[in-house]
Protein backbone atom coordinates (compact mmCIF):
# COMPACT_ATOMS: atom_id res chain seq x y z
CA MET A 1 -0.02 0.03 -0.04
CA PRO A 2 1.42 3.27 -0.95
CA ASP A 3 2.37 5.69 1.69
CA LEU A 4 1.61 9.11 -0.12
CA ALA A 5 -1.74 7.80 -1.66
CA ASP A 6 -3.61 10.81 -3.48
CA GLU A 7 -6.15 12.22 -0.74
CA SER A 8 -7.36 14.95 -2.59
CA ALA A 9 -10.79 13.33 -3.24
CA LEU A 10 -11.28 13.56 0.67
CA ASP A 11 -11.80 17.51 0.45
CA ASN A 12 -15.20 16.60 -0.55
CA PRO A 13 -15.77 13.11 0.52
CA VAL A 14 -19.66 12.17 -0.25
CA TRP A 15 -19.64 13.78 -3.48
CA ALA A 16 -16.33 11.69 -4.27
CA CYS A 17 -17.68 8.38 -2.85
CA LEU A 18 -21.18 8.78 -4.76
CA SER A 19 -19.44 9.60 -8.31
CA THR A 20 -17.22 6.72 -8.03
CA ARG A 21 -17.45 3.60 -5.52
CA HIS A 22 -21.23 3.93 -4.71
CA ALA A 23 -22.42 5.34 -8.10
CA HIS A 24 -24.48 2.08 -8.38
CA LEU A 25 -26.55 3.61 -5.66
CA ALA A 26 -26.59 7.34 -6.07
CA GLN A 27 -29.57 9.29 -6.53
CA GLY A 28 -29.15 12.56 -8.57
CA ASN A 29 -26.90 13.67 -11.31
CA GLY A 30 -23.83 15.73 -12.13
CA LEU A 31 -25.26 18.62 -10.09
CA ALA A 32 -26.20 16.70 -6.85
CA LEU A 33 -25.81 13.11 -5.64
CA ARG A 34 -27.44 11.63 -2.45
CA TYR A 35 -27.55 7.85 -0.61
CA PRO A 36 -31.28 6.24 -0.99
CA PRO A 37 -32.73 7.68 2.28
CA ASP A 38 -33.03 4.31 3.66
CA TYR A 39 -29.11 3.82 3.20
CA SER A 40 -28.21 7.21 4.75
CA PRO A 41 -29.05 10.97 4.81
CA LEU A 42 -25.69 12.05 3.15
CA SER A 43 -25.49 13.83 0.44
CA GLY A 44 -23.03 15.99 -1.63
CA VAL A 45 -22.37 18.66 -4.59
CA PRO A 46 -19.24 19.41 -6.64
CA ALA A 47 -19.92 22.97 -6.19
CA ALA A 48 -21.70 25.76 -4.62
CA ALA A 49 -23.58 27.21 -7.49
CA PRO A 50 -27.26 27.96 -6.97
CA ASP A 51 -28.10 25.31 -9.78
CA ASN A 52 -26.04 22.62 -7.36
CA PHE A 53 -28.20 23.51 -4.39
CA ALA A 54 -31.22 23.30 -6.43
CA ALA A 55 -30.56 20.21 -7.61
CA LEU A 56 -29.99 18.77 -4.40
CA GLN A 57 -33.21 20.09 -2.98
CA SER A 58 -35.08 18.52 -5.68
CA LEU A 59 -33.62 15.14 -4.59
CA VAL A 60 -35.62 15.49 -0.96
CA ASP A 61 -39.28 15.05 -0.19
CA VAL A 62 -41.07 16.75 2.14
CA GLY A 63 -40.63 15.43 5.57
CA ASP A 64 -37.28 13.76 4.49
CA ALA A 65 -33.98 14.93 6.24
CA ILE A 66 -30.64 15.24 4.34
CA ALA A 67 -27.18 15.52 5.87
CA VAL A 68 -24.73 17.45 3.67
CA ALA A 69 -20.82 17.32 4.50
CA GLY A 70 -17.76 18.43 2.90
CA ALA A 71 -16.38 21.22 0.62
CA HIS A 72 -19.84 22.67 -0.09
CA VAL A 73 -22.65 23.20 2.30
CA PRO A 74 -25.60 25.59 1.69
CA ASP A 75 -27.50 27.95 3.63
CA TRP A 76 -30.87 26.45 3.43
CA PRO A 77 -34.19 28.63 2.68
CA ASP A 78 -37.18 29.02 4.67
CA ARG A 79 -38.81 25.65 3.92
CA TRP A 80 -36.01 23.65 5.31
CA GLU A 81 -35.54 23.06 9.45
CA THR A 82 -32.04 22.90 10.40
CA SER A 83 -31.65 20.31 12.87
CA HIS A 84 -28.20 20.82 13.37
CA ARG A 85 -24.83 22.46 11.84
CA ILE A 86 -21.68 21.00 13.30
CA ARG A 87 -17.96 20.65 12.48
CA LEU A 88 -16.41 17.54 11.64
CA VAL A 89 -12.63 16.51 11.81
CA GLN A 90 -11.27 14.20 9.23
CA MET A 91 -8.81 11.84 10.21
CA VAL A 92 -6.48 9.38 8.56
CA ARG A 93 -4.58 6.47 9.43
CA ARG A 94 -1.68 6.36 6.99
CA ALA A 95 0.37 3.67 8.58
CA ALA A 96 -0.08 0.14 7.51
CA THR A 97 0.80 -1.12 10.90
CA PRO A 98 -1.75 -3.39 12.23
CA LEU A 99 -3.59 -3.18 15.40
CA ALA A 100 -4.78 -5.58 18.32
CA ASP A 101 -8.24 -6.88 17.47
CA ASP A 102 -8.58 -9.17 20.43
CA GLY A 103 -9.85 -8.92 23.89
CA ALA A 104 -13.62 -8.95 23.37
CA GLU A 105 -15.88 -11.62 21.53
CA MET A 106 -17.05 -9.96 18.45
CA VAL A 107 -19.36 -10.98 16.13
CA ILE A 108 -20.11 -9.87 12.29
CA LEU A 109 -23.43 -8.29 12.32
CA ASN A 110 -26.33 -8.46 9.51
CA ALA A 111 -29.75 -7.82 8.52
CA ALA A 112 -31.16 -9.60 11.45
CA ASP A 113 -29.22 -7.24 13.89
CA VAL A 114 -30.42 -4.01 12.44
CA GLY A 115 -32.99 -3.37 15.03
CA ASP A 116 -30.33 -3.73 17.65
CA MET A 117 -27.91 -1.61 15.74
CA LEU A 118 -30.61 1.33 15.17
CA ALA A 119 -31.41 1.25 18.89
CA LEU A 120 -27.82 1.86 19.96
CA VAL A 121 -27.36 4.74 17.18
CA GLU A 122 -30.24 6.15 18.94
CA LEU A 123 -28.83 6.05 22.38
CA THR A 124 -25.37 6.97 21.45
CA HIS A 125 -25.48 9.21 18.44
CA PRO A 126 -22.07 8.54 16.51
CA GLY A 127 -23.59 9.75 13.21
CA PRO A 128 -26.44 9.02 10.53
CA PHE A 129 -27.13 5.40 10.34
CA ARG A 130 -30.38 3.99 8.43
CA GLU A 131 -31.98 0.77 8.09
CA ARG A 132 -29.78 -0.33 4.93
CA THR A 133 -26.59 1.43 6.11
CA ILE A 134 -25.31 -2.15 6.91
CA GLU A 135 -25.13 -2.94 3.40
CA LEU A 136 -22.24 -0.13 2.69
CA GLY A 137 -19.65 -2.28 4.43
CA THR A 138 -19.12 -4.81 7.01
CA PHE A 139 -19.95 -4.25 10.56
CA VAL A 140 -18.77 -5.71 13.69
CA GLY A 141 -20.37 -5.93 17.13
CA VAL A 142 -20.20 -7.18 20.63
CA ARG A 143 -23.15 -8.36 22.52
CA ARG A 144 -23.09 -9.03 26.37
CA HIS A 145 -26.20 -11.29 27.45
CA GLY A 146 -27.81 -11.17 24.28
CA ARG A 147 -27.76 -7.28 24.03
CA LEU A 148 -25.73 -5.46 21.26
CA VAL A 149 -23.14 -2.98 23.20
CA ALA A 150 -20.61 -1.85 21.07
CA MET A 151 -20.41 -1.95 17.10
CA ALA A 152 -18.18 -0.45 14.25
CA GLY A 153 -17.97 -0.79 10.71
CA GLU A 154 -17.59 0.35 6.96
CA ARG A 155 -19.24 3.14 5.38
CA MET A 156 -17.87 5.57 2.46
CA TRP A 157 -15.04 4.12 -0.09
CA ILE A 158 -12.95 6.89 -1.92
CA GLY A 159 -10.41 5.56 -4.12
CA GLU A 160 -7.85 3.46 -1.61
CA HIS A 161 -9.47 5.20 1.17
CA ARG A 162 -12.45 3.37 3.21
CA GLU A 163 -13.92 5.03 6.05
CA VAL A 164 -14.35 3.57 9.49
CA SER A 165 -17.94 4.55 10.84
CA ALA A 166 -20.80 3.95 13.38
CA VAL A 167 -18.23 3.45 16.51
CA CYS A 168 -20.34 3.65 19.43
CA THR A 169 -20.55 1.88 22.69
CA HIS A 170 -23.62 1.76 25.21
CA PRO A 171 -23.43 3.91 28.16
CA ASP A 172 -23.13 0.77 30.62
CA ALA A 173 -20.40 -0.80 28.67
CA GLN A 174 -18.18 1.87 28.09
CA GLY A 175 -14.51 1.84 29.58
CA ARG A 176 -14.37 -2.07 28.66
CA GLY A 177 -12.32 -1.58 25.40
CA PHE A 178 -14.68 -2.41 23.16
CA ALA A 179 -14.40 0.30 20.66
CA ARG A 180 -10.77 0.06 20.40
CA ALA A 181 -10.96 -3.69 19.57
CA LEU A 182 -13.70 -3.45 17.12
CA MET A 183 -11.85 -0.58 15.69
CA GLY A 184 -8.88 -2.88 15.52
CA ARG A 185 -10.79 -5.66 13.60
CA VAL A 186 -12.44 -3.39 11.12
CA ILE A 187 -9.02 -1.34 10.49
CA ASN A 188 -7.07 -4.72 10.40
CA ARG A 189 -9.72 -5.61 7.50
CA MET A 190 -9.01 -2.70 5.51
CA LEU A 191 -5.04 -3.02 5.60
CA ARG A 192 -5.50 -6.69 4.50
CA ALA A 193 -7.58 -5.29 1.46
CA GLY A 194 -5.12 -2.51 0.93
CA GLN A 195 -7.26 -0.03 1.97
CA ILE A 196 -6.11 3.29 3.92
CA PRO A 197 -8.69 3.75 6.87
CA PHE A 198 -10.24 7.17 7.47
CA LEU A 199 -13.17 8.54 9.46
CA HIS A 200 -14.92 11.63 10.61
CA VAL A 201 -15.61 12.90 14.27
CA GLU A 202 -17.44 15.96 15.59
CA SER A 203 -14.69 18.56 16.27
CA ALA A 204 -16.14 19.01 19.81
CA ASN A 205 -15.65 15.27 20.53
CA GLU A 206 -11.96 15.92 22.18
CA ARG A 207 -12.08 12.29 23.77
CA ALA A 208 -12.71 10.48 20.48
CA ILE A 209 -10.46 12.29 18.88
CA ALA A 210 -7.83 11.37 21.40
CA MET A 211 -8.64 7.48 21.06
CA TYR A 212 -8.38 7.92 17.46
CA GLU A 213 -4.81 9.26 17.55
CA SER A 214 -3.60 6.68 19.93
CA LEU A 215 -4.78 4.17 17.05
CA GLY A 216 -2.61 6.06 14.76
CA PHE A 217 -5.04 8.64 12.88
CA ALA A 218 -4.00 11.87 12.45
CA ARG A 219 -6.13 15.07 11.74
CA ARG A 220 -6.27 16.12 8.17
CA ALA A 221 -9.26 18.43 7.46
CA GLU A 222 -12.18 20.15 9.16
CA PHE A 223 -15.54 21.08 7.53
CA PRO A 224 -19.10 21.55 8.33
CA LEU A 225 -21.87 19.01 8.27
CA LEU A 226 -25.44 20.55 7.84
CA TYR A 227 -28.67 18.11 8.63
CA ALA A 228 -31.86 19.59 7.81
CA LYS A 229 -35.60 18.51 6.89
CA ARG A 230 -37.59 19.60 4.11
CA THR A 231 -40.89 20.92 5.62
CA ARG A 232 -42.65 22.12 2.38
């Protein structure tokens, strides 16, 4: 795996993914793209022109929510209700050294686990996750007494870069190293496939950022994320 892989596409990650690796899933055209709503609310545009944002709005039904992240994030008009606008830190793990991925009994999650995954996401808020997000990559989890208490997996895929996503732990199970072990399993899988792990984390979450740095991730960029619902 090259040490100096081209990272320029990561500047506008959602657009880059939907126009290449996940183009078979993308809804829209050359002005704006989004995931199908049951996969993810994530969307992207290649430029900040009015035509791009108009095209993006046309992809969203009334009552649906959409997330725009990356180089071009709009100011929505009155017919949109902003849920939140945050800053994301993008981090990349450029070293190809594997991580420890033991210390927890991990299982591969599948469609039968989606209900439990959605419940864990609702409790911990790791980022957008919907019914078919699991189809975007491999997800692993830890169960204790039948309850899903931690998980991590893969989402976007841009060239040689693969995104680590949905890293979360139930409050009752924190401090046991589950997140670190799960990330080790996910990252090692990527490394064996010749991929370079990257991730996104809210800029205010310094605790998570510190853990990711301890796993070899380095801050690469910071950009906004807007999550809004179309009201009419």
